[in-house]
C-alpha atoms as a PDB file:
ATOM      1  CA  MET A   1       5.570  15.258  14.117  1.00  0.00           C
ATOM      2  CA  THR A   2       7.953  17.472  12.620  1.00  0.00           C
ATOM      3  CA  ALA A   3       6.014  18.159   9.425  1.00  0.00           C
ATOM      4  CA  PRO A   4       5.556  21.681   8.479  1.00  0.00           C
ATOM      5  CA  ALA A   5       2.202  23.393   8.991  1.00  0.00           C
ATOM      6  CA  PRO A   6      -0.339  23.519   5.833  1.00  0.00           C
ATOM      7  CA  PRO A   7       0.868  25.998   2.978  1.00  0.00           C
ATOM      8  CA  PRO A   8      -1.406  29.016   2.687  1.00  0.00           C
ATOM      9  CA  PRO A   9      -2.750  29.577  -0.937  1.00  0.00           C
ATOM     10  CA  GLY A  10      -0.713  32.426  -1.532  1.00  0.00           C
ATOM     11  CA  ASP A  11      -0.201  36.165  -2.843  1.00  0.00           C
ATOM     12  CA  GLY A  12      -2.550  37.092  -0.028  1.00  0.00           C
ATOM     13  CA  LEU A  13      -5.472  35.140  -1.223  1.00  0.00           C
ATOM     14  CA  SER A  14      -7.828  33.075   0.506  1.00  0.00           C
ATOM     15  CA  LEU A  15      -8.964  29.583   0.197  1.00  0.00           C
ATOM     16  CA  ALA A  16     -11.963  30.907  -1.518  1.00  0.00           C
ATOM     17  CA  ASP A  17     -10.494  33.457  -3.618  1.00  0.00           C
ATOM     18  CA  VAL A  18      -8.309  30.837  -5.145  1.00  0.00           C
ATOM     19  CA  ALA A  19     -11.247  28.151  -5.504  1.00  0.00           C
ATOM     20  CA  GLU A  20     -12.620  30.763  -7.528  1.00  0.00           C
ATOM     21  CA  THR A  21      -9.734  31.310  -9.588  1.00  0.00           C
ATOM     22  CA  VAL A  22      -9.364  27.381 -10.321  1.00  0.00           C
ATOM     23  CA  CYS A  23     -12.576  27.337 -11.585  1.00  0.00           C
ATOM     24  CA  ALA A  24     -12.650  30.343 -13.514  1.00  0.00           C
ATOM     25  CA  ARG A  25      -9.342  28.728 -15.138  1.00  0.00           C
ATOM     26  CA  SER A  26     -11.213  25.257 -15.479  1.00  0.00           C
ATOM     27  CA  ASP A  27     -12.520  23.750 -18.672  1.00  0.00           C
ATOM     28  CA  ALA A  28     -14.172  20.796 -16.404  1.00  0.00           C
ATOM     29  CA  VAL A  29     -15.862  22.854 -14.145  1.00  0.00           C
ATOM     30  CA  HIS A  30     -17.910  26.351 -14.159  1.00  0.00           C
ATOM     31  CA  ILE A  31     -19.806  28.359 -11.512  1.00  0.00           C
ATOM     32  CA  VAL A  32     -23.350  28.927 -12.779  1.00  0.00           C
ATOM     33  CA  GLU A  33     -23.612  32.546 -11.834  1.00  0.00           C
ATOM     34  CA  HIS A  34     -26.321  33.878  -9.921  1.00  0.00           C
ATOM     35  CA  GLY A  35     -27.253  37.020  -7.790  1.00  0.00           C
ATOM     36  CA  PRO A  36     -27.114  37.448  -4.172  1.00  0.00           C
ATOM     37  CA  ASP A  37     -30.810  37.073  -3.872  1.00  0.00           C
ATOM     38  CA  ARG A  38     -30.711  33.341  -5.153  1.00  0.00           C
ATOM     39  CA  TYR A  39     -27.828  32.656  -3.180  1.00  0.00           C
ATOM     40  CA  ALA A  40     -29.664  34.057   0.049  1.00  0.00           C
ATOM     41  CA  ALA A  41     -32.877  32.043  -0.947  1.00  0.00           C
ATOM     42  CA  TYR A  42     -30.840  28.700  -1.736  1.00  0.00           C
ATOM     43  CA  ALA A  43     -29.015  28.987   1.628  1.00  0.00           C
ATOM     44  CA  ASP A  44     -32.252  29.736   3.514  1.00  0.00           C
ATOM     45  CA  GLY A  45     -33.726  26.429   2.376  1.00  0.00           C
ATOM     46  CA  LEU A  46     -30.906  24.405   3.844  1.00  0.00           C
ATOM     47  CA  ARG A  47     -31.713  25.496   7.383  1.00  0.00           C
ATOM     48  CA  ASP A  48     -34.194  22.409   7.995  1.00  0.00           C
ATOM     49  CA  ASP A  49     -31.184  20.310   8.412  1.00  0.00           C
ATOM     50  CA  ALA A  50     -29.758  22.202  11.604  1.00  0.00           C
ATOM     51  CA  GLY A  51     -29.013  20.410  15.001  1.00  0.00           C
ATOM     52  CA  VAL A  52     -26.606  18.353  16.691  1.00  0.00           C
ATOM     53  CA  PRO A  53     -26.164  14.880  14.749  1.00  0.00           C
ATOM     54  CA  SER A  54     -27.795  12.231  16.486  1.00  0.00           C
ATOM     55  CA  THR A  55     -24.794  10.340  16.593  1.00  0.00           C
ATOM     56  CA  LEU A  56     -23.093  12.833  19.385  1.00  0.00           C
ATOM     57  CA  ARG A  57     -26.085  12.548  21.367  1.00  0.00           C
ATOM     58  CA  LEU A  58     -25.901   8.968  22.080  1.00  0.00           C
ATOM     59  CA  LEU A  59     -22.288   9.560  23.716  1.00  0.00           C
ATOM     60  CA  ARG A  60     -21.918   9.576  27.557  1.00  0.00           C
ATOM     61  CA  ASP A  61     -20.812  13.212  27.779  1.00  0.00           C
ATOM     62  CA  GLU A  62     -18.731  16.134  26.136  1.00  0.00           C
ATOM     63  CA  GLN A  63     -15.664  15.040  26.164  1.00  0.00           C
ATOM     64  CA  GLN A  64     -16.535  11.690  25.170  1.00  0.00           C
ATOM     65  CA  GLN A  65     -17.849  13.351  21.892  1.00  0.00           C
ATOM     66  CA  THR A  66     -15.375  15.595  21.343  1.00  0.00           C
ATOM     67  CA  ALA A  67     -12.655  12.623  21.321  1.00  0.00           C
ATOM     68  CA  PHE A  68     -15.261  10.478  18.803  1.00  0.00           C
ATOM     69  CA  VAL A  69     -15.303  13.580  16.617  1.00  0.00           C
ATOM     70  CA  LEU A  70     -11.581  13.212  16.369  1.00  0.00           C
ATOM     71  CA  VAL A  71     -11.337   9.603  16.116  1.00  0.00           C
ATOM     72  CA  ARG A  72     -14.014   9.040  13.455  1.00  0.00           C
ATOM     73  CA  ASP A  73     -12.764  12.218  11.764  1.00  0.00           C
ATOM     74  CA  CYS A  74      -9.564  10.377  11.175  1.00  0.00           C
ATOM     75  CA  ILE A  75     -10.799   7.895   9.036  1.00  0.00           C
ATOM     76  CA  ASN A  76     -13.372  10.052   7.450  1.00  0.00           C
ATOM     77  CA  PHE A  77     -12.428   9.159   3.977  1.00  0.00           C
ATOM     78  CA  GLY A  78     -12.998   6.462   1.453  1.00  0.00           C
ATOM     79  CA  SER A  79     -16.097   7.630  -0.698  1.00  0.00           C
ATOM     80  CA  GLY A  80     -14.366   6.349  -3.720  1.00  0.00           C
ATOM     81  CA  PHE A  81     -14.430   2.827  -2.326  1.00  0.00           C
ATOM     82  CA  HIS A  82     -17.995   2.629  -0.963  1.00  0.00           C
ATOM     83  CA  PRO A  83     -19.800   0.952  -3.338  1.00  0.00           C
ATOM     84  CA  GLU A  84     -17.923  -1.728  -3.182  1.00  0.00           C
ATOM     85  CA  LEU A  85     -18.091  -1.913   0.727  1.00  0.00           C
ATOM     86  CA  ALA A  86     -20.168  -4.080   2.815  1.00  0.00           C
ATOM     87  CA  LYS A  87     -22.882  -1.687   3.959  1.00  0.00           C
ATOM     88  CA  ARG A  88     -25.138  -2.094   7.110  1.00  0.00           C
ATOM     89  CA  GLN A  89     -29.069  -2.391   6.144  1.00  0.00           C
ATOM     90  CA  GLY A  90     -30.365   1.236   4.806  1.00  0.00           C
ATOM     91  CA  LEU A  91     -27.145   2.823   5.857  1.00  0.00           C
ATOM     92  CA  SER A  92     -24.777   4.510   3.330  1.00  0.00           C
ATOM     93  CA  GLY A  93     -21.076   3.511   3.615  1.00  0.00           C
ATOM     94  CA  ALA A  94     -20.031   6.427   5.533  1.00  0.00           C
ATOM     95  CA  ARG A  95     -23.056   5.984   8.130  1.00  0.00           C
ATOM     96  CA  THR A  96     -22.026   2.216   8.161  1.00  0.00           C
ATOM     97  CA  VAL A  97     -18.595   3.160   9.367  1.00  0.00           C
ATOM     98  CA  GLU A  98     -19.950   5.874  11.998  1.00  0.00           C
ATOM     99  CA  LYS A  99     -22.396   3.211  13.151  1.00  0.00           C
ATOM    100  CA  ALA A 100     -19.951   0.724  13.581  1.00  0.00           C
ATOM    101  CA  LEU A 101     -17.497   3.258  15.733  1.00  0.00           C
ATOM    102  CA  LEU A 102     -20.499   4.546  17.852  1.00  0.00           C
ATOM    103  CA  GLU A 103     -21.292   0.994  18.789  1.00  0.00           C
ATOM    104  CA  ARG A 104     -17.363   0.292  19.506  1.00  0.00           C
ATOM    105  CA  VAL A 105     -17.044   3.796  21.850  1.00  0.00           C
ATOM    106  CA  GLN A 106     -20.208   2.755  23.730  1.00  0.00           C
ATOM    107  CA  ALA A 107     -19.277  -0.580  24.521  1.00  0.00           C
ATOM    108  CA  HIS A 108     -15.533   0.164  25.585  1.00  0.00           C
ATOM    109  CA  GLY A 109     -15.168   3.665  25.509  1.00  0.00           C
ATOM    110  CA  VAL A 110     -13.017   6.058  22.975  1.00  0.00           C
ATOM    111  CA  PRO A 111      -9.845   4.062  21.828  1.00  0.00           C
ATOM    112  CA  ASP A 112      -6.732   6.189  23.491  1.00  0.00           C
ATOM    113  CA  GLY A 113      -3.493   6.695  21.473  1.00  0.00           C
ATOM    114  CA  ARG A 114      -1.777   3.536  22.433  1.00  0.00           C
ATOM    115  CA  TRP A 115      -4.720   1.373  20.865  1.00  0.00           C
ATOM    116  CA  LEU A 116      -4.851   3.237  17.839  1.00  0.00           C
ATOM    117  CA  SER A 117      -1.082   3.628  17.316  1.00  0.00           C
ATOM    118  CA  ALA A 118      -1.225  -0.184  16.986  1.00  0.00           C
ATOM    119  CA  VAL A 119      -4.605  -1.177  15.293  1.00  0.00           C
ATOM    120  CA  THR A 120      -3.948  -3.446  12.290  1.00  0.00           C
ATOM    121  CA  PRO A 121      -5.707  -3.545   8.934  1.00  0.00           C
ATOM    122  CA  ASP A 122      -7.156  -6.916  10.207  1.00  0.00           C
ATOM    123  CA  GLU A 123      -8.629  -5.470  12.995  1.00  0.00           C
ATOM    124  CA  CYS A 124     -10.350  -2.746  11.315  1.00  0.00           C
ATOM    125  CA  ALA A 125     -12.046  -5.022   8.665  1.00  0.00           C
ATOM    126  CA  GLU A 126     -13.341  -6.824  11.759  1.00  0.00           C
ATOM    127  CA  LEU A 127     -14.431  -3.695  13.632  1.00  0.00           C
ATOM    128  CA  PHE A 128     -16.274  -2.372  10.644  1.00  0.00           C
ATOM    129  CA  GLY A 129     -17.377  -5.182   9.180  1.00  0.00           C
ATOM    130  CA  GLN A 130     -15.222  -5.690   6.062  1.00  0.00           C
ATOM    131  CA  PRO A 131     -14.311  -8.758   4.017  1.00  0.00           C
ATOM    132  CA  ARG A 132     -10.618  -8.855   4.067  1.00  0.00           C
ATOM    133  CA  SER A 133      -9.684  -8.444   0.251  1.00  0.00           C
ATOM    134  CA  GLY A 134     -10.128  -6.445  -2.560  1.00  0.00           C
ATOM    135  CA  ALA A 135     -11.304  -2.757  -2.301  1.00  0.00           C
ATOM    136  CA  PRO A 136     -12.617  -2.862   1.146  1.00  0.00           C
ATOM    137  CA  MET A 137      -9.480  -4.673   2.749  1.00  0.00           C
ATOM    138  CA  GLU A 138      -7.548  -1.855   0.719  1.00  0.00           C
ATOM    139  CA  LEU A 139      -9.741   1.104   2.826  1.00  0.00           C
ATOM    140  CA  MET A 140      -8.972  -1.076   5.901  1.00  0.00           C
ATOM    141  CA  THR A 141      -5.248  -0.485   5.546  1.00  0.00           C
ATOM    142  CA  MET A 142      -5.629   2.830   5.060  1.00  0.00           C
ATOM    143  CA  PHE A 143      -7.708   3.743   7.989  1.00  0.00           C
ATOM    144  CA  ALA A 144      -5.137   1.595  10.179  1.00  0.00           C
ATOM    145  CA  ALA A 145      -2.643   3.669   8.824  1.00  0.00           C
ATOM    146  CA  ALA A 146      -4.609   6.715   9.618  1.00  0.00           C
ATOM    147  CA  TRP A 147      -5.407   5.688  13.004  1.00  0.00           C
ATOM    148  CA  ASN A 148      -1.715   4.484  13.520  1.00  0.00           C
ATOM    149  CA  GLU A 149      -0.159   8.194  12.904  1.00  0.00           C
ATOM    150  CA  PHE A 150      -2.965   9.973  14.831  1.00  0.00           C
ATOM    151  CA  GLY A 151      -2.120   7.462  17.633  1.00  0.00           C
ATOM    152  CA  ARG A 152       1.722   8.421  17.509  1.00  0.00           C
ATOM    153  CA  LEU A 153       0.692  11.663  17.773  1.00  0.00           C
ATOM    154  CA  LEU A 154      -1.235  11.100  20.837  1.00  0.00           C
ATOM    155  CA  CYS A 155       1.375   9.114  22.701  1.00  0.00           C
ATOM    156  CA  GLU A 156       4.133  11.708  21.845  1.00  0.00           C
ATOM    157  CA  ARG A 157       2.514  14.769  22.906  1.00  0.00           C
ATOM    158  CA  TYR A 158      -0.193  14.442  24.385  1.00  0.00           C
ATOM    159  CA  ASP A 159      -0.217  11.150  26.892  1.00  0.00           C
ATOM    160  CA  GLY A 160      -2.164   9.034  24.790  1.00  0.00           C
ATOM    161  CA  GLN A 161      -5.333  11.238  25.604  1.00  0.00           C
ATOM    162  CA  VAL A 162      -7.294  12.982  22.823  1.00  0.00           C
ATOM    163  CA  ALA A 163      -8.470  15.646  25.871  1.00  0.00           C
ATOM    164  CA  GLY A 164      -4.861  16.654  25.750  1.00  0.00           C
ATOM    165  CA  LEU A 165      -4.891  17.462  22.008  1.00  0.00           C
ATOM    166  CA  VAL A 166      -8.107  18.974  22.124  1.00  0.00           C
ATOM    167  CA  GLU A 167      -6.857  21.420  25.072  1.00  0.00           C
ATOM    168  CA  ASP A 168      -4.090  22.184  22.871  1.00  0.00           C
ATOM    169  CA  PHE A 169      -6.323  23.194  20.250  1.00  0.00           C
ATOM    170  CA  GLY A 170      -6.789  26.632  22.549  1.00  0.00           C
ATOM    171  CA  GLY A 171     -10.203  27.365  21.598  1.00  0.00           C
ATOM    172  CA  ARG A 172      -8.834  28.504  17.671  1.00  0.00           C
ATOM    173  CA  ALA A 173     -10.359  26.639  15.190  1.00  0.00           C
ATOM    174  CA  ALA A 174      -7.330  27.816  12.712  1.00  0.00           C
ATOM    175  CA  ARG A 175      -5.002  25.768  15.061  1.00  0.00           C
ATOM    176  CA  VAL A 176      -7.012  22.612  14.637  1.00  0.00           C
ATOM    177  CA  VAL A 177      -6.331  22.811  11.036  1.00  0.00           C
ATOM    178  CA  ASP A 178      -2.412  23.680  11.741  1.00  0.00           C
ATOM    179  CA  ILE A 179      -1.862  20.773  13.621  1.00  0.00           C
ATOM    180  CA  LEU A 180      -3.745  18.010  12.258  1.00  0.00           C
ATOM    181  CA  GLY A 181      -2.290  19.309   8.840  1.00  0.00           C
ATOM    182  CA  ARG A 182       0.885  18.236   9.632  1.00  0.00           C
ATOM    183  CA  LEU A 183      -0.237  14.367   9.667  1.00  0.00           C
ATOM    184  CA  ASP A 184       0.150  12.736   6.570  1.00  0.00           C
ATOM    185  CA  CYS A 185      -3.564  11.366   6.623  1.00  0.00           C
ATOM    186  CA  TRP A 186      -4.642  14.608   7.275  1.00  0.00           C
ATOM    187  CA  ARG A 187      -2.810  16.484   5.026  1.00  0.00           C
ATOM    188  CA  ASP A 188      -4.599  17.667   1.939  1.00  0.00           C
ATOM    189  CA  VAL A 189      -3.295  20.043  -0.336  1.00  0.00           C
ATOM    190  CA  SER A 190      -3.484  20.037  -4.058  1.00  0.00           C
ATOM    191  CA  HIS A 191      -2.424  22.279  -6.677  1.00  0.00           C
ATOM    192  CA  PHE A 192      -3.975  23.410 -10.038  1.00  0.00           C
ATOM    193  CA  GLY A 193      -1.129  24.848 -12.038  1.00  0.00           C
ATOM    194  CA  GLU A 194       0.929  27.038 -10.031  1.00  0.00           C
ATOM    195  CA  LEU A 195      -1.662  27.817  -7.492  1.00  0.00           C
ATOM    196  CA  THR A 196      -1.683  25.803  -4.362  1.00  0.00           C
ATOM    197  CA  VAL A 197      -5.147  24.897  -2.796  1.00  0.00           C
ATOM    198  CA  PRO A 198      -5.023  23.764   0.671  1.00  0.00           C
ATOM    199  CA  PHE A 199      -8.507  21.899   1.099  1.00  0.00           C
ATOM    200  CA  MET A 200      -7.796  20.089   4.311  1.00  0.00           C
ATOM    201  CA  LYS A 201     -11.261  19.011   4.363  1.00  0.00           C
ATOM    202  CA  ARG A 202     -11.240  16.559   7.222  1.00  0.00           C
ATOM    203  CA  ALA A 203      -9.526  19.205   9.626  1.00  0.00           C
ATOM    204  CA  ARG A 204     -11.885  21.757   8.764  1.00  0.00           C
ATOM    205  CA  LEU A 205     -14.782  19.309   9.240  1.00  0.00           C
ATOM    206  CA  ALA A 206     -13.308  17.793  12.541  1.00  0.00           C
ATOM    207  CA  THR A 207     -13.413  21.777  13.980  1.00  0.00           C
ATOM    208  CA  LEU A 208     -17.602  22.045  12.850  1.00  0.00           C
ATOM    209  CA  GLY A 209     -18.011  18.410  14.673  1.00  0.00           C
ATOM    210  CA  LEU A 210     -16.133  20.043  18.053  1.00  0.00           C
ATOM    211  CA  GLU A 211     -18.050  23.237  17.922  1.00  0.00           C
ATOM    212  CA  VAL A 212     -21.022  21.289  17.114  1.00  0.00           C
ATOM    213  CA  ALA A 213     -20.337  19.394  20.320  1.00  0.00           C
ATOM    214  CA  ALA A 214     -19.526  22.218  22.633  1.00  0.00           C
ATOM    215  CA  ARG A 215     -23.060  23.970  21.252  1.00  0.00           C
ATOM    216  CA  GLU A 216     -24.926  20.491  22.966  1.00  0.00           C
ATOM    217  CA  HIS A 217     -23.721  21.785  26.268  1.00  0.00           C
ATOM    218  CA  ALA A 218     -25.015  25.627  25.603  1.00  0.00           C
ATOM    219  CA  ARG A 219     -21.259  27.327  24.945  1.00  0.00           C
ATOM    220  CA  THR A 220     -19.176  27.712  22.246  1.00  0.00           C
ATOM    221  CA  ARG A 221     -15.484  26.353  21.332  1.00  0.00           C
ATOM    222  CA  PHE A 222     -13.937  28.440  18.304  1.00  0.00           C
ATOM    223  CA  ALA A 223     -14.502  32.055  18.086  1.00  0.00           C
ATOM    224  CA  ASP A 224     -12.646  32.330  14.759  1.00  0.00           C
ATOM    225  CA  LEU A 225     -15.125  29.316  12.946  1.00  0.00           C
ATOM    226  CA  ALA A 226     -17.102  31.598  10.852  1.00  0.00           C
ATOM    227  CA  GLN A 227     -13.247  32.375   8.815  1.00  0.00           C
ATOM    228  CA  VAL A 228     -13.029  28.428   8.170  1.00  0.00           C
ATOM    229  CA  PRO A 229     -13.949  27.949   4.549  1.00  0.00           C
ATOM    230  CA  ALA A 230     -15.979  24.916   3.680  1.00  0.00           C
ATOM    231  CA  PHE A 231     -14.849  21.256   3.648  1.00  0.00           C
ATOM    232  CA  ALA A 232     -14.622  19.948   0.044  1.00  0.00           C
ATOM    233  CA  ASP A 233     -15.371  16.859  -0.812  1.00  0.00           C
ATOM    234  CA  ASN A 234     -16.793  14.744  -3.783  1.00  0.00           C
ATOM    235  CA  LEU A 235     -20.716  14.838  -2.359  1.00  0.00           C
ATOM    236  CA  ILE A 236     -21.308  18.517  -2.250  1.00  0.00           C
ATOM    237  CA  PRO A 237     -20.067  19.288  -5.894  1.00  0.00           C
ATOM    238  CA  HIS A 238     -22.816  16.786  -7.133  1.00  0.00           C
ATOM    239  CA  VAL A 239     -25.482  18.534  -5.182  1.00  0.00           C
ATOM    240  CA  LEU A 240     -24.530  22.089  -6.447  1.00  0.00           C
ATOM    241  CA  LYS A 241     -24.412  20.353  -9.843  1.00  0.00           C
ATOM    242  CA  THR A 242     -27.748  18.765  -9.372  1.00  0.00           C
ATOM    243  CA  ASP A 243     -29.229  22.002  -7.632  1.00  0.00           C
ATOM    244  CA  GLY A 244     -27.809  24.120 -10.810  1.00  0.00           C
ATOM    245  CA  LEU A 245     -25.058  26.071  -8.713  1.00  0.00           C
ATOM    246  CA  LEU A 246     -22.044  23.972 -10.498  1.00  0.00           C
ATOM    247  CA  ALA A 247     -21.828  22.608 -14.328  1.00  0.00           C
ATOM    248  CA  PHE A 248     -19.101  20.117 -15.254  1.00  0.00           C
ATOM    249  CA  ALA A 249     -18.458  19.941 -18.911  1.00  0.00           C
ATOM    250  CA  PRO A 250     -20.105  16.718 -20.843  1.00  0.00           C
ATOM    251  CA  GLU A 251     -16.997  14.657 -20.985  1.00  0.00           C
ATOM    252  CA  LEU A 252     -16.725  14.964 -16.944  1.00  0.00           C
ATOM    253  CA  GLU A 253     -20.173  14.293 -16.580  1.00  0.00           C
ATOM    254  CA  ALA A 254     -20.143  11.177 -18.809  1.00  0.00           C
ATOM    255  CA  ARG A 255     -17.083   9.790 -16.847  1.00  0.00           C
ATOM    256  CA  ILE A 256     -19.213  10.514 -13.839  1.00  0.00           C
ATOM    257  CA  ASP A 257     -22.005   8.670 -14.865  1.00  0.00           C
ATOM    258  CA  ARG A 258     -19.900   5.647 -15.686  1.00  0.00           C
ATOM    259  CA  GLY A 259     -18.873   5.525 -12.679  1.00  0.00           C
ATOM    260  CA  GLU A 260     -15.144   5.994 -13.530  1.00  0.00           C
ATOM    261  CA  LEU A 261     -12.700   7.093 -10.213  1.00  0.00           C
ATOM    262  CA  LEU A 262     -11.127  10.372 -11.202  1.00  0.00           C
ATOM    263  CA  GLU A 263      -7.353  10.151 -10.164  1.00  0.00           C
ATOM    264  CA  HIS A 264      -6.960  12.274  -6.725  1.00  0.00           C
ATOM    265  CA  GLY A 265      -5.120  15.829  -7.328  1.00  0.00           C
ATOM    266  CA  SER A 266      -6.144  15.812 -11.365  1.00  0.00           C
ATOM    267  CA  PRO A 267      -7.185  19.185 -12.659  1.00  0.00           C
ATOM    268  CA  GLU A 268     -11.088  18.122 -13.160  1.00  0.00           C
ATOM    269  CA  GLU A 269     -11.194  16.509  -9.195  1.00  0.00           C
ATOM    270  CA  VAL A 270      -9.306  19.744  -8.276  1.00  0.00           C
ATOM    271  CA  ALA A 271     -11.695  22.106 -10.031  1.00  0.00           C
ATOM    272  CA  LEU A 272     -14.697  19.938  -8.426  1.00  0.00           C
ATOM    273  CA  ARG A 273     -13.865  20.662  -4.930  1.00  0.00           C
ATOM    274  CA  SER A 274     -12.816  24.237  -5.469  1.00  0.00           C
ATOM    275  CA  GLY A 275     -16.177  24.512  -6.955  1.00  0.00           C
ATOM    276  CA  ALA A 276     -17.754  23.358  -3.663  1.00  0.00           C
ATOM    277  CA  VAL A 277     -15.530  25.602  -1.428  1.00  0.00           C
ATOM    278  CA  ALA A 278     -16.545  28.744  -4.076  1.00  0.00           C
ATOM    279  CA  VAL A 279     -20.065  28.291  -4.299  1.00  0.00           C
ATOM    280  CA  CYS A 280     -20.302  27.657  -0.545  1.00  0.00           C
ATOM    281  CA  SER A 281     -18.737  31.076   0.371  1.00  0.00           C
ATOM    282  CA  ARG A 282     -20.715  32.753  -1.773  1.00  0.00           C
ATOM    283  CA  LEU A 283     -24.181  31.534  -0.289  1.00  0.00           C
ATOM    284  CA  ALA A 284     -22.601  31.794   2.867  1.00  0.00           C
ATOM    285  CA  ALA A 285     -21.946  35.812   2.219  1.00  0.00           C
ATOM    286  CA  ALA A 286     -25.179  36.226   0.692  1.00  0.00           C
ATOM    287  CA  SER A 287     -27.178  34.712   3.497  1.00  0.00           C
ATOM    288  CA  ALA A 288     -25.073  36.848   5.737  1.00  0.00           C
ATOM    289  CA  SER A 289     -25.541  40.122   3.924  1.00  0.00           C
ATOM    290  CA  ALA A 290     -29.640  39.013   3.760  1.00  0.00           C
ATOM    291  CA  ALA A 291     -30.028  38.137   7.513  1.00  0.00           C
ATOM    292  CA  THR A 292     -31.810  34.912   6.405  1.00  0.00           C
ATOM    293  CA  ALA A 293     -32.536  32.328   8.860  1.00  0.00           C
ATOM    294  CA  GLY A 294     -30.326  29.780   6.922  1.00  0.00           C
ATOM    295  CA  ALA A 295     -26.680  28.956   6.976  1.00  0.00           C
ATOM    296  CA  ARG A 296     -24.673  31.698   7.476  1.00  0.00           C
ATOM    297  CA  THR A 297     -20.970  30.530   7.751  1.00  0.00           C
ATOM    298  CA  PRO A 298     -19.252  28.560   4.796  1.00  0.00           C
ATOM    299  CA  LEU A 299     -19.019  25.391   6.974  1.00  0.00           C
ATOM    300  CA  GLU A 300     -22.522  25.453   8.188  1.00  0.00           C
ATOM    301  CA  VAL A 301     -23.491  25.525   4.143  1.00  0.00           C
ATOM    302  CA  ALA A 302     -21.082  22.498   3.336  1.00  0.00           C
ATOM    303  CA  SER A 303     -22.686  20.338   6.406  1.00  0.00           C
ATOM    304  CA  ARG A 304     -26.193  21.222   5.268  1.00  0.00           C
ATOM    305  CA  LEU A 305     -25.511  20.630   1.790  1.00  0.00           C
ATOM    306  CA  TRP A 306     -24.025  17.074   2.672  1.00  0.00           C
ATOM    307  CA  LYS A 307     -27.359  16.046   4.516  1.00  0.00           C
ATOM    308  CA  ARG A 308     -29.083  17.049   1.444  1.00  0.00           C
ATOM    309  CA  GLY A 309     -27.097  15.208  -0.766  1.00  0.00           C
ATOM    310  CA  GLN A 310     -28.645  11.977   1.520  1.00  0.00           C
ATOM    311  CA  GLN A 311     -32.040  12.549  -0.306  1.00  0.00           C
ATOM    312  CA  PRO A 312     -33.165   9.939  -2.931  1.00  0.00           C
ATOM    313  CA  GLY A 313     -33.044  12.267  -5.633  1.00  0.00           C
ATOM    314  CA  TYR A 314     -29.403  13.132  -4.997  1.00  0.00           C
ATOM    315  CA  LYS A 315     -28.360   9.509  -4.076  1.00  0.00           C
ATOM    316  CA  ARG A 316     -29.776   8.061  -7.707  1.00  0.00           C
ATOM    317  CA  ARG A 317     -27.605   9.616  -9.863  1.00  0.00           C
ATOM    318  CA  PRO A 318     -23.741   8.852 -10.078  1.00  0.00           C
ATOM    319  CA  ARG A 319     -21.490  11.272  -7.967  1.00  0.00           C
ATOM    320  CA  PRO A 320     -17.512  12.398  -8.643  1.00  0.00           C
ATOM    321  CA  ARG A 321     -15.518   9.424  -6.673  1.00  0.00           C
ATOM    322  CA  ALA A 322     -11.758   9.399  -6.330  1.00  0.00           C
ATOM    323  CA  ARG A 323      -9.786   6.865  -3.926  1.00  0.00           C
ATOM    324  CA  CYS A 324      -7.872   9.123  -1.577  1.00  0.00           C
ATOM    325  CA  PHE A 325      -7.283   9.990   2.182  1.00  0.00           C
ATOM    326  CA  ALA A 326      -8.836  13.184   1.870  1.00  0.00           C
ATOM    327  CA  TYR A 327     -12.572  12.176   1.482  1.00  0.00           C
END
């Protein structure tokens, strides 16, 4: 576990600044310019999705909740495989995976590092109810690799327990990204020309999940949460494009509509994710300045946009997809 920390964007720029630059240079994705009032009103309209996810409320206590967040977010990727997954009735691919893991935790407790470091692709397929062939099995193999790596970290540094890792975070969201970003399956860094774009989607999402678990118990965990950039996946830019805050080039839109997989790390895919980061940052800043009741931080904006994307109007249209560990 000696990999270097995720590199900063460079030149003193924030991730949001780099994301803005990517969109300004991209031929495929553009930010639709709006004034602060439009952004503030839009962010204010996201407030109805606030609250603790029901999944966490179904777990025994805060320690189990925090452990569940990290074990879940360790495999919180695979959207490019979801159209081919065996899904539970009425559930998306992501919710199918989460529900199966929840049931496992309720029955047997959160897996420790020893179980995670040894779990096999076949065992993942059994746990998540997936066929042992084709794209679903490819994803199960990736799940096993991610859990194996995470389990080894727990065994080598924290006596196999997630609680020790959480304690090592020291109440700093930036340290969550630093520690998890040293693992190959969590390291989510792209490039656009000479620009380094450390998206670190799942690590940033994990900070939000850990904070939400703490708030369920009437306290906060991370004092620096407001400084964490938005997490960037494939659904958030789809929602922003549908709502007129992002625009895609006709060629890219046609590829997405055909269901064509994008290459992870390609200029188009990096620009899509950058658009999500940049617009979420604008929305959060406008919301805070206007003192609205809606989402105030980039992470809150991103979370509520993701939930908005579960609505039928957004799900009817194809969204951009890639097959990777990032999202």
